[in-house]
C-alpha atoms as a PDB file:
ATOM      1  CA  GLN A   1     -18.445 -10.903  22.303  1.00  0.00           C
ATOM      2  CA  VAL A   2     -21.973 -11.740  21.726  1.00  0.00           C
ATOM      3  CA  GLN A   3     -24.646 -10.323  19.049  1.00  0.00           C
ATOM      4  CA  LEU A   4     -28.158 -10.341  18.254  1.00  0.00           C
ATOM      5  CA  VAL A   5     -29.108  -9.142  14.702  1.00  0.00           C
ATOM      6  CA  GLU A   6     -32.871  -9.031  14.003  1.00  0.00           C
ATOM      7  CA  SER A   7     -34.754  -8.752  10.847  1.00  0.00           C
ATOM      8  CA  GLY A   8     -37.914  -9.067   9.176  1.00  0.00           C
ATOM      9  CA  GLY A   9     -39.711  -6.172  10.481  1.00  0.00           C
ATOM     10  CA  GLY A  10     -41.796  -3.486   8.238  1.00  0.00           C
ATOM     11  CA  LEU A  11     -45.291  -2.283   7.313  1.00  0.00           C
ATOM     12  CA  VAL A  12     -48.163  -4.370   6.722  1.00  0.00           C
ATOM     13  CA  GLN A  13     -51.890  -4.002   6.487  1.00  0.00           C
ATOM     14  CA  ALA A  14     -54.037  -5.291   9.208  1.00  0.00           C
ATOM     15  CA  GLY A  15     -54.666  -8.836   8.888  1.00  0.00           C
ATOM     16  CA  GLY A  16     -51.477  -9.508   7.384  1.00  0.00           C
ATOM     17  CA  SER A  17     -48.327 -11.291   8.271  1.00  0.00           C
ATOM     18  CA  LEU A  18     -44.574 -10.825   9.260  1.00  0.00           C
ATOM     19  CA  ARG A  19     -41.839 -12.864  10.234  1.00  0.00           C
ATOM     20  CA  LEU A  20     -39.189 -11.605  12.521  1.00  0.00           C
ATOM     21  CA  SER A  21     -35.900 -13.453  12.796  1.00  0.00           C
ATOM     22  CA  CYS A  22     -32.966 -12.604  15.344  1.00  0.00           C
ATOM     23  CA  ALA A  23     -29.519 -14.653  15.149  1.00  0.00           C
ATOM     24  CA  ALA A  24     -26.939 -14.853  17.734  1.00  0.00           C
ATOM     25  CA  SER A  25     -23.302 -14.859  16.976  1.00  0.00           C
ATOM     26  CA  GLY A  26     -20.176 -14.843  18.807  1.00  0.00           C
ATOM     27  CA  SER A  27     -18.340 -16.723  21.369  1.00  0.00           C
ATOM     28  CA  ILE A  28     -21.462 -18.731  22.392  1.00  0.00           C
ATOM     29  CA  SER A  29     -21.191 -22.140  24.265  1.00  0.00           C
ATOM     30  CA  SER A  30     -24.962 -22.442  24.482  1.00  0.00           C
ATOM     31  CA  ILE A  31     -28.191 -20.794  24.401  1.00  0.00           C
ATOM     32  CA  ASN A  32     -30.818 -21.211  27.203  1.00  0.00           C
ATOM     33  CA  ALA A  33     -34.337 -19.286  26.853  1.00  0.00           C
ATOM     34  CA  MET A  34     -34.702 -16.828  23.852  1.00  0.00           C
ATOM     35  CA  GLY A  35     -37.661 -14.345  23.506  1.00  0.00           C
ATOM     36  CA  TRP A  36     -39.407 -11.482  21.784  1.00  0.00           C
ATOM     37  CA  TYR A  37     -40.452  -8.374  23.769  1.00  0.00           C
ATOM     38  CA  ARG A  38     -42.097  -5.343  22.426  1.00  0.00           C
ATOM     39  CA  GLN A  39     -42.062  -1.365  23.444  1.00  0.00           C
ATOM     40  CA  ALA A  40     -44.045   1.552  22.447  1.00  0.00           C
ATOM     41  CA  PRO A  41     -42.711   4.960  22.989  1.00  0.00           C
ATOM     42  CA  GLY A  42     -43.095   5.991  26.726  1.00  0.00           C
ATOM     43  CA  LYS A  43     -44.115   2.536  27.606  1.00  0.00           C
ATOM     44  CA  GLN A  44     -42.464  -0.341  29.346  1.00  0.00           C
ATOM     45  CA  ARG A  45     -40.959  -3.152  27.385  1.00  0.00           C
ATOM     46  CA  GLU A  46     -43.412  -6.361  27.583  1.00  0.00           C
ATOM     47  CA  LEU A  47     -42.565  -9.701  26.774  1.00  0.00           C
ATOM     48  CA  VAL A  48     -44.571 -11.056  23.709  1.00  0.00           C
ATOM     49  CA  ALA A  49     -43.326 -14.441  23.503  1.00  0.00           C
ATOM     50  CA  ALA A  50     -40.622 -16.990  24.580  1.00  0.00           C
ATOM     51  CA  ILE A  51     -39.136 -20.232  23.965  1.00  0.00           C
ATOM     52  CA  THR A  52     -36.687 -22.333  26.246  1.00  0.00           C
ATOM     53  CA  GLY A  53     -33.658 -24.681  24.974  1.00  0.00           C
ATOM     54  CA  GLY A  54     -36.205 -27.497  25.102  1.00  0.00           C
ATOM     55  CA  GLY A  55     -38.640 -25.782  23.065  1.00  0.00           C
ATOM     56  CA  SER A  56     -41.387 -25.015  25.739  1.00  0.00           C
ATOM     57  CA  THR A  57     -43.130 -21.762  24.588  1.00  0.00           C
ATOM     58  CA  ASN A  58     -45.019 -18.888  26.718  1.00  0.00           C
ATOM     59  CA  TYR A  59     -47.002 -16.061  25.121  1.00  0.00           C
ATOM     60  CA  ALA A  60     -48.766 -12.986  26.037  1.00  0.00           C
ATOM     61  CA  ASP A  61     -52.589 -13.076  26.222  1.00  0.00           C
ATOM     62  CA  SER A  62     -52.602 -10.321  23.478  1.00  0.00           C
ATOM     63  CA  VAL A  63     -50.701 -12.573  20.908  1.00  0.00           C
ATOM     64  CA  LYS A  64     -52.137 -16.139  21.887  1.00  0.00           C
ATOM     65  CA  GLY A  65     -53.499 -17.807  18.510  1.00  0.00           C
ATOM     66  CA  ARG A  66     -51.522 -15.249  16.200  1.00  0.00           C
ATOM     67  CA  PHE A  67     -48.230 -15.465  16.998  1.00  0.00           C
ATOM     68  CA  THR A  68     -46.066 -18.440  16.960  1.00  0.00           C
ATOM     69  CA  ILE A  69     -42.318 -18.570  18.348  1.00  0.00           C
ATOM     70  CA  SER A  70     -39.909 -21.184  17.264  1.00  0.00           C
ATOM     71  CA  ARG A  71     -36.063 -21.588  17.289  1.00  0.00           C
ATOM     72  CA  ASP A  72     -33.303 -23.454  14.955  1.00  0.00           C
ATOM     73  CA  ASN A  73     -30.548 -24.241  17.505  1.00  0.00           C
ATOM     74  CA  ALA A  74     -28.326 -25.273  14.724  1.00  0.00           C
ATOM     75  CA  LYS A  75     -28.333 -21.524  13.514  1.00  0.00           C
ATOM     76  CA  ASN A  76     -28.665 -19.970  17.002  1.00  0.00           C
ATOM     77  CA  THR A  77     -31.589 -18.104  15.416  1.00  0.00           C
ATOM     78  CA  VAL A  78     -35.356 -17.505  17.051  1.00  0.00           C
ATOM     79  CA  TYR A  79     -38.246 -16.767  14.806  1.00  0.00           C
ATOM     80  CA  LEU A  80     -41.536 -14.939  15.292  1.00  0.00           C
ATOM     81  CA  GLN A  81     -44.536 -15.649  12.944  1.00  0.00           C
ATOM     82  CA  MET A  82     -46.791 -12.878  13.213  1.00  0.00           C
ATOM     83  CA  ASN A  83     -50.124 -13.432  11.757  1.00  0.00           C
ATOM     84  CA  SER A  84     -53.449 -11.598  11.862  1.00  0.00           C
ATOM     85  CA  LEU A  85     -51.901  -8.469  12.718  1.00  0.00           C
ATOM     86  CA  LYS A  86     -53.710  -5.807  13.928  1.00  0.00           C
ATOM     87  CA  PRO A  87     -52.801  -1.978  14.558  1.00  0.00           C
ATOM     88  CA  GLU A  88     -52.197  -2.355  18.242  1.00  0.00           C
ATOM     89  CA  ASP A  89     -49.175  -4.716  17.317  1.00  0.00           C
ATOM     90  CA  LYS A  90     -47.496  -1.880  15.927  1.00  0.00           C
ATOM     91  CA  ASP A  91     -44.258  -1.299  17.990  1.00  0.00           C
ATOM     92  CA  VAL A  92     -40.662  -1.852  18.166  1.00  0.00           C
ATOM     93  CA  TYR A  93     -39.829  -5.570  18.500  1.00  0.00           C
ATOM     94  CA  TYR A  94     -36.735  -6.725  20.505  1.00  0.00           C
ATOM     95  CA  CYS A  95     -34.938 -10.013  20.713  1.00  0.00           C
ATOM     96  CA  ASN A  96     -33.535 -11.422  23.794  1.00  0.00           C
ATOM     97  CA  ALA A  97     -31.475 -14.256  24.805  1.00  0.00           C
ATOM     98  CA  ASP A  98     -30.137 -15.937  27.761  1.00  0.00           C
ATOM     99  CA  ILE A  99     -26.674 -17.061  26.528  1.00  0.00           C
ATOM    100  CA  CYS A 100     -23.696 -18.766  28.346  1.00  0.00           C
ATOM    101  CA  ARG A 101     -19.825 -18.223  27.149  1.00  0.00           C
ATOM    102  CA  ILE A 102     -17.025 -20.064  28.523  1.00  0.00           C
ATOM    103  CA  ILE A 103     -16.636 -17.467  31.278  1.00  0.00           C
ATOM    104  CA  ASP A 104     -20.082 -16.627  32.287  1.00  0.00           C
ATOM    105  CA  CYS A 105     -24.040 -16.693  31.617  1.00  0.00           C
ATOM    106  CA  ARG A 106     -26.095 -13.758  30.849  1.00  0.00           C
ATOM    107  CA  ASN A 107     -29.905 -13.427  30.224  1.00  0.00           C
ATOM    108  CA  ASP A 108     -29.629  -9.686  29.097  1.00  0.00           C
ATOM    109  CA  TYR A 109     -28.443  -9.890  25.739  1.00  0.00           C
ATOM    110  CA  TRP A 110     -30.558  -7.849  23.170  1.00  0.00           C
ATOM    111  CA  GLY A 111     -30.869  -7.345  19.682  1.00  0.00           C
ATOM    112  CA  GLN A 112     -31.238  -3.623  18.269  1.00  0.00           C
ATOM    113  CA  GLY A 113     -35.034  -3.549  17.647  1.00  0.00           C
ATOM    114  CA  THR A 114     -36.934  -3.822  14.492  1.00  0.00           C
ATOM    115  CA  GLN A 115     -39.922  -1.547  13.693  1.00  0.00           C
ATOM    116  CA  VAL A 116     -43.294  -3.187  13.374  1.00  0.00           C
ATOM    117  CA  THR A 117     -46.063  -1.184  11.797  1.00  0.00           C
ATOM    118  CA  VAL A 118     -49.599  -2.136  10.913  1.00  0.00           C
ATOM    119  CA  SER A 119     -51.886  -0.068   8.922  1.00  0.00           C
ATOM    120  CA  SER A 120     -55.557  -0.044   9.429  1.00  0.00           C
END
């Protein structure tokens, strides 16, 4: 069984920074792409940033230049450094990973979500 556990959310003032972490554990053979999504109540989950196994990154236009995604393959962990936070960044942030086990590969592994709140 594979599990993604997130940490690092919280309350911060506008202009501040937070760092999210997401660690994958379980019967993992390899991890391909990993990413961060966010979702506001009543809205669709949207991609914030993604990183491939080779380290290529992709960002939503709204966070380019402010957020940085990175990963530590030895720890099966992905990070999201969020700087210059704005009130509109307030959402629940979810980690996603494309993970291969011995028996299969799936891209629908999700963390439990971590709340990010930005006060103005």
